[in-house]
Amino acid sequence: MVPVLLVLLLALILFGAGFAVKVLWYIALAVLVIWLLGFLVRSTSPSGGRSRWYRW
């Protein structure tokens, strides 16, 4: 009975970790897209200088 519970617990932990990693990949992809859009907006700015599209 204990080995079955351990296997079920391990499967639950691995499923949760896999789901979290998948969500982190989606968040990383969204941040990359936002960064690229900001880079493109900065490069097409009419000021021509080294302006920053972010405040920090």
PDB file of N, CA and C in Angstrom:
ATOM      1  N   MET A   1       0.820  -1.200   0.000  1.00  0.00           N
ATOM      2  CA  MET A   1       0.000   0.000   0.000  1.00  0.00           C
ATOM      3  C   MET A   1       0.861   1.260   0.000  1.00  0.00           C
ATOM      4  N   VAL A   2       1.944   1.260   0.762  1.00  0.00           N
ATOM      5  CA  VAL A   2       2.824   2.431   0.828  1.00  0.00           C
ATOM      6  C   VAL A   2       3.512   2.690  -0.517  1.00  0.00           C
ATOM      7  N   PRO A   3       4.018   1.666  -1.217  1.00  0.00           N
ATOM      8  CA  PRO A   3       4.636   1.942  -2.528  1.00  0.00           C
ATOM      9  C   PRO A   3       3.650   2.549  -3.530  1.00  0.00           C
ATOM     10  N   VAL A   4       2.404   2.114  -3.485  1.00  0.00           N
ATOM     11  CA  VAL A   4       1.403   2.671  -4.396  1.00  0.00           C
ATOM     12  C   VAL A   4       1.183   4.147  -4.083  1.00  0.00           C
ATOM     13  N   LEU A   5       1.117   4.495  -2.813  1.00  0.00           N
ATOM     14  CA  LEU A   5       0.945   5.895  -2.436  1.00  0.00           C
ATOM     15  C   LEU A   5       2.157   6.734  -2.829  1.00  0.00           C
ATOM     16  N   LEU A   6       3.352   6.162  -2.691  1.00  0.00           N
ATOM     17  CA  LEU A   6       4.550   6.877  -3.092  1.00  0.00           C
ATOM     18  C   LEU A   6       4.585   7.129  -4.599  1.00  0.00           C
ATOM     19  N   VAL A   7       4.177   6.125  -5.367  1.00  0.00           N
ATOM     20  CA  VAL A   7       4.142   6.287  -6.823  1.00  0.00           C
ATOM     21  C   VAL A   7       3.102   7.340  -7.211  1.00  0.00           C
ATOM     22  N   LEU A   8       1.950   7.323  -6.579  1.00  0.00           N
ATOM     23  CA  LEU A   8       0.924   8.324  -6.865  1.00  0.00           C
ATOM     24  C   LEU A   8       1.397   9.731  -6.473  1.00  0.00           C
ATOM     25  N   LEU A   9       2.076   9.832  -5.351  1.00  0.00           N
ATOM     26  CA  LEU A   9       2.612  11.119  -4.926  1.00  0.00           C
ATOM     27  C   LEU A   9       3.674  11.627  -5.902  1.00  0.00           C
ATOM     28  N   LEU A  10       4.541  10.739  -6.356  1.00  0.00           N
ATOM     29  CA  LEU A  10       5.564  11.106  -7.329  1.00  0.00           C
ATOM     30  C   LEU A  10       4.928  11.558  -8.644  1.00  0.00           C
ATOM     31  N   ALA A  11       3.904  10.844  -9.098  1.00  0.00           N
ATOM     32  CA  ALA A  11       3.215  11.232 -10.328  1.00  0.00           C
ATOM     33  C   ALA A  11       2.555  12.602 -10.173  1.00  0.00           C
ATOM     34  N   LEU A  12       1.984  12.877  -9.022  1.00  0.00           N
ATOM     35  CA  LEU A  12       1.355  14.168  -8.777  1.00  0.00           C
ATOM     36  C   LEU A  12       2.392  15.292  -8.765  1.00  0.00           C
ATOM     37  N   ILE A  13       3.532  15.052  -8.150  1.00  0.00           N
ATOM     38  CA  ILE A  13       4.594  16.067  -8.102  1.00  0.00           C
ATOM     39  C   ILE A  13       5.133  16.337  -9.505  1.00  0.00           C
ATOM     40  N   LEU A  14       5.370  15.280 -10.275  1.00  0.00           N
ATOM     41  CA  LEU A  14       5.896  15.459 -11.630  1.00  0.00           C
ATOM     42  C   LEU A  14       4.883  16.167 -12.527  1.00  0.00           C
ATOM     43  N   PHE A  15       3.599  15.857 -12.372  1.00  0.00           N
ATOM     44  CA  PHE A  15       2.571  16.535 -13.150  1.00  0.00           C
ATOM     45  C   PHE A  15       2.534  18.020 -12.807  1.00  0.00           C
ATOM     46  N   GLY A  16       2.606  18.332 -11.525  1.00  0.00           N
ATOM     47  CA  GLY A  16       2.597  19.737 -11.098  1.00  0.00           C
ATOM     48  C   GLY A  16       3.822  20.479 -11.596  1.00  0.00           C
ATOM     49  N   ALA A  17       4.985  19.840 -11.545  1.00  0.00           N
ATOM     50  CA  ALA A  17       6.211  20.486 -12.021  1.00  0.00           C
ATOM     51  C   ALA A  17       6.151  20.700 -13.527  1.00  0.00           C
ATOM     52  N   GLY A  18       5.636  19.724 -14.241  1.00  0.00           N
ATOM     53  CA  GLY A  18       5.507  19.863 -15.688  1.00  0.00           C
ATOM     54  C   GLY A  18       4.569  20.991 -16.062  1.00  0.00           C
ATOM     55  N   PHE A  19       3.472  21.120 -15.351  1.00  0.00           N
ATOM     56  CA  PHE A  19       2.521  22.199 -15.614  1.00  0.00           C
ATOM     57  C   PHE A  19       3.156  23.551 -15.317  1.00  0.00           C
ATOM     58  N   ALA A  20       3.894  23.642 -14.221  1.00  0.00           N
ATOM     59  CA  ALA A  20       4.542  24.905 -13.856  1.00  0.00           C
ATOM     60  C   ALA A  20       5.597  25.292 -14.891  1.00  0.00           C
ATOM     61  N   VAL A  21       6.356  24.326 -15.365  1.00  0.00           N
ATOM     62  CA  VAL A  21       7.384  24.618 -16.363  1.00  0.00           C
ATOM     63  C   VAL A  21       6.742  25.084 -17.664  1.00  0.00           C
ATOM     64  N   LYS A  22       5.624  24.473 -18.031  1.00  0.00           N
ATOM     65  CA  LYS A  22       4.929  24.881 -19.255  1.00  0.00           C
ATOM     66  C   LYS A  22       4.417  26.311 -19.124  1.00  0.00           C
ATOM     67  N   VAL A  23       3.875  26.660 -17.968  1.00  0.00           N
ATOM     68  CA  VAL A  23       3.397  28.026 -17.743  1.00  0.00           C
ATOM     69  C   VAL A  23       4.565  29.009 -17.788  1.00  0.00           C
ATOM     70  N   LEU A  24       5.712  28.630 -17.217  1.00  0.00           N
ATOM     71  CA  LEU A  24       6.884  29.505 -17.247  1.00  0.00           C
ATOM     72  C   LEU A  24       7.385  29.723 -18.677  1.00  0.00           C
ATOM     73  N   TRP A  25       7.288  28.704 -19.532  1.00  0.00           N
ATOM     74  CA  TRP A  25       7.677  28.872 -20.925  1.00  0.00           C
ATOM     75  C   TRP A  25       6.771  29.885 -21.614  1.00  0.00           C
ATOM     76  N   TYR A  26       5.465  29.831 -21.332  1.00  0.00           N
ATOM     77  CA  TYR A  26       4.531  30.790 -21.935  1.00  0.00           C
ATOM     78  C   TYR A  26       4.820  32.202 -21.439  1.00  0.00           C
ATOM     79  N   ILE A  27       5.140  32.345 -20.165  1.00  0.00           N
ATOM     80  CA  ILE A  27       5.466  33.667 -19.625  1.00  0.00           C
ATOM     81  C   ILE A  27       6.755  34.191 -20.267  1.00  0.00           C
ATOM     82  N   ALA A  28       7.751  33.328 -20.422  1.00  0.00           N
ATOM     83  CA  ALA A  28       9.006  33.739 -21.048  1.00  0.00           C
ATOM     84  C   ALA A  28       8.783  34.154 -22.502  1.00  0.00           C
ATOM     85  N   LEU A  29       7.927  33.448 -23.212  1.00  0.00           N
ATOM     86  CA  LEU A  29       7.627  33.790 -24.590  1.00  0.00           C
ATOM     87  C   LEU A  29       6.926  35.149 -24.673  1.00  0.00           C
ATOM     88  N   ALA A  30       5.986  35.404 -23.759  1.00  0.00           N
ATOM     89  CA  ALA A  30       5.286  36.689 -23.748  1.00  0.00           C
ATOM     90  C   ALA A  30       6.253  37.828 -23.454  1.00  0.00           C
ATOM     91  N   VAL A  31       7.168  37.641 -22.506  1.00  0.00           N
ATOM     92  CA  VAL A  31       8.153  38.683 -22.186  1.00  0.00           C
ATOM     93  C   VAL A  31       9.067  38.936 -23.384  1.00  0.00           C
ATOM     94  N   LEU A  32       9.452  37.891 -24.081  1.00  0.00           N
ATOM     95  CA  LEU A  32      10.303  38.051 -25.258  1.00  0.00           C
ATOM     96  C   LEU A  32       9.594  38.855 -26.343  1.00  0.00           C
ATOM     97  N   VAL A  33       8.316  38.573 -26.576  1.00  0.00           N
ATOM     98  CA  VAL A  33       7.558  39.307 -27.590  1.00  0.00           C
ATOM     99  C   VAL A  33       7.442  40.778 -27.200  1.00  0.00           C
ATOM    100  N   ILE A  34       7.155  41.050 -25.930  1.00  0.00           N
ATOM    101  CA  ILE A  34       7.046  42.442 -25.475  1.00  0.00           C
ATOM    102  C   ILE A  34       8.389  43.155 -25.607  1.00  0.00           C
ATOM    103  N   TRP A  35       9.470  42.472 -25.285  1.00  0.00           N
ATOM    104  CA  TRP A  35      10.791  43.070 -25.409  1.00  0.00           C
ATOM    105  C   TRP A  35      11.113  43.383 -26.871  1.00  0.00           C
ATOM    106  N   LEU A  36      10.800  42.448 -27.778  1.00  0.00           N
ATOM    107  CA  LEU A  36      11.063  42.680 -29.195  1.00  0.00           C
ATOM    108  C   LEU A  36      10.225  43.832 -29.732  1.00  0.00           C
ATOM    109  N   LEU A  37       8.965  43.911 -29.325  1.00  0.00           N
ATOM    110  CA  LEU A  37       8.121  45.030 -29.751  1.00  0.00           C
ATOM    111  C   LEU A  37       8.688  46.355 -29.244  1.00  0.00           C
ATOM    112  N   GLY A  38       9.125  46.395 -28.020  1.00  0.00           N
ATOM    113  CA  GLY A  38       9.728  47.604 -27.479  1.00  0.00           C
ATOM    114  C   GLY A  38      11.007  47.966 -28.204  1.00  0.00           C
ATOM    115  N   PHE A  39      11.788  46.976 -28.572  1.00  0.00           N
ATOM    116  CA  PHE A  39      13.022  47.233 -29.312  1.00  0.00           C
ATOM    117  C   PHE A  39      12.711  47.819 -30.684  1.00  0.00           C
ATOM    118  N   LEU A  40      11.689  47.277 -31.358  1.00  0.00           N
ATOM    119  CA  LEU A  40      11.305  47.792 -32.671  1.00  0.00           C
ATOM    120  C   LEU A  40      10.738  49.201 -32.575  1.00  0.00           C
ATOM    121  N   VAL A  41       9.943  49.465 -31.558  1.00  0.00           N
ATOM    122  CA  VAL A  41       9.383  50.806 -31.379  1.00  0.00           C
ATOM    123  C   VAL A  41      10.503  51.802 -31.103  1.00  0.00           C
ATOM    124  N   ARG A  42      11.482  51.395 -30.334  1.00  0.00           N
ATOM    125  CA  ARG A  42      12.596  52.287 -30.020  1.00  0.00           C
ATOM    126  C   ARG A  42      13.412  52.585 -31.268  1.00  0.00           C
ATOM    127  N   SER A  43      13.633  51.566 -32.108  1.00  0.00           N
ATOM    128  CA  SER A  43      14.477  51.761 -33.284  1.00  0.00           C
ATOM    129  C   SER A  43      13.786  52.598 -34.346  1.00  0.00           C
ATOM    130  N   THR A  44      12.463  52.690 -34.338  1.00  0.00           N
ATOM    131  CA  THR A  44      11.744  53.494 -35.328  1.00  0.00           C
ATOM    132  C   THR A  44      11.292  54.827 -34.753  1.00  0.00           C
ATOM    133  N   SER A  45      11.831  55.227 -33.608  1.00  0.00           N
ATOM    134  CA  SER A  45      11.430  56.499 -33.008  1.00  0.00           C
ATOM    135  C   SER A  45      12.003  57.657 -33.824  1.00  0.00           C
ATOM    136  N   PRO A  46      11.260  58.743 -33.943  1.00  0.00           N
ATOM    137  CA  PRO A  46      11.719  59.862 -34.776  1.00  0.00           C
ATOM    138  C   PRO A  46      12.852  60.672 -34.155  1.00  0.00           C
ATOM    139  N   SER A  47      13.123  60.491 -32.871  1.00  0.00           N
ATOM    140  CA  SER A  47      14.166  61.302 -32.234  1.00  0.00           C
ATOM    141  C   SER A  47      15.557  60.943 -32.748  1.00  0.00           C
ATOM    142  N   GLY A  48      15.765  59.709 -33.138  1.00  0.00           N
ATOM    143  CA  GLY A  48      17.039  59.302 -33.714  1.00  0.00           C
ATOM    144  C   GLY A  48      18.129  59.068 -32.698  1.00  0.00           C
ATOM    145  N   GLY A  49      17.954  59.532 -31.474  1.00  0.00           N
ATOM    146  CA  GLY A  49      18.976  59.344 -30.448  1.00  0.00           C
ATOM    147  C   GLY A  49      18.875  57.978 -29.806  1.00  0.00           C
ATOM    148  N   ARG A  50      19.632  57.820 -28.740  1.00  0.00           N
ATOM    149  CA  ARG A  50      19.589  56.538 -28.029  1.00  0.00           C
ATOM    150  C   ARG A  50      18.531  56.619 -26.936  1.00  0.00           C
ATOM    151  N   SER A  51      17.305  56.787 -27.352  1.00  0.00           N
ATOM    152  CA  SER A  51      16.220  56.880 -26.379  1.00  0.00           C
ATOM    153  C   SER A  51      15.867  55.500 -25.860  1.00  0.00           C
ATOM    154  N   ARG A  52      15.358  55.471 -24.669  1.00  0.00           N
ATOM    155  CA  ARG A  52      14.954  54.203 -24.055  1.00  0.00           C
ATOM    156  C   ARG A  52      13.444  54.111 -24.065  1.00  0.00           C
ATOM    157  N   TRP A  53      12.934  52.907 -24.348  1.00  0.00           N
ATOM    158  CA  TRP A  53      11.499  52.706 -24.362  1.00  0.00           C
ATOM    159  C   TRP A  53      10.995  52.314 -22.976  1.00  0.00           C
ATOM    160  N   TYR A  54      11.910  52.138 -22.044  1.00  0.00           N
ATOM    161  CA  TYR A  54      11.532  51.818 -20.677  1.00  0.00           C
ATOM    162  C   TYR A  54      12.016  52.928 -19.762  1.00  0.00           C
ATOM    163  N   ARG A  55      11.503  52.982 -18.548  1.00  0.00           N
ATOM    164  CA  ARG A  55      11.812  54.085 -17.660  1.00  0.00           C
ATOM    165  C   ARG A  55      12.997  53.804 -16.760  1.00  0.00           C
ATOM    166  N   TRP A  56      13.408  52.572 -16.593  1.00  0.00           N
ATOM    167  CA  TRP A  56      14.510  52.273 -15.698  1.00  0.00           C
ATOM    168  C   TRP A  56      15.715  52.011 -16.540  1.00  0.00           C
TER     169      TRP A  56
END
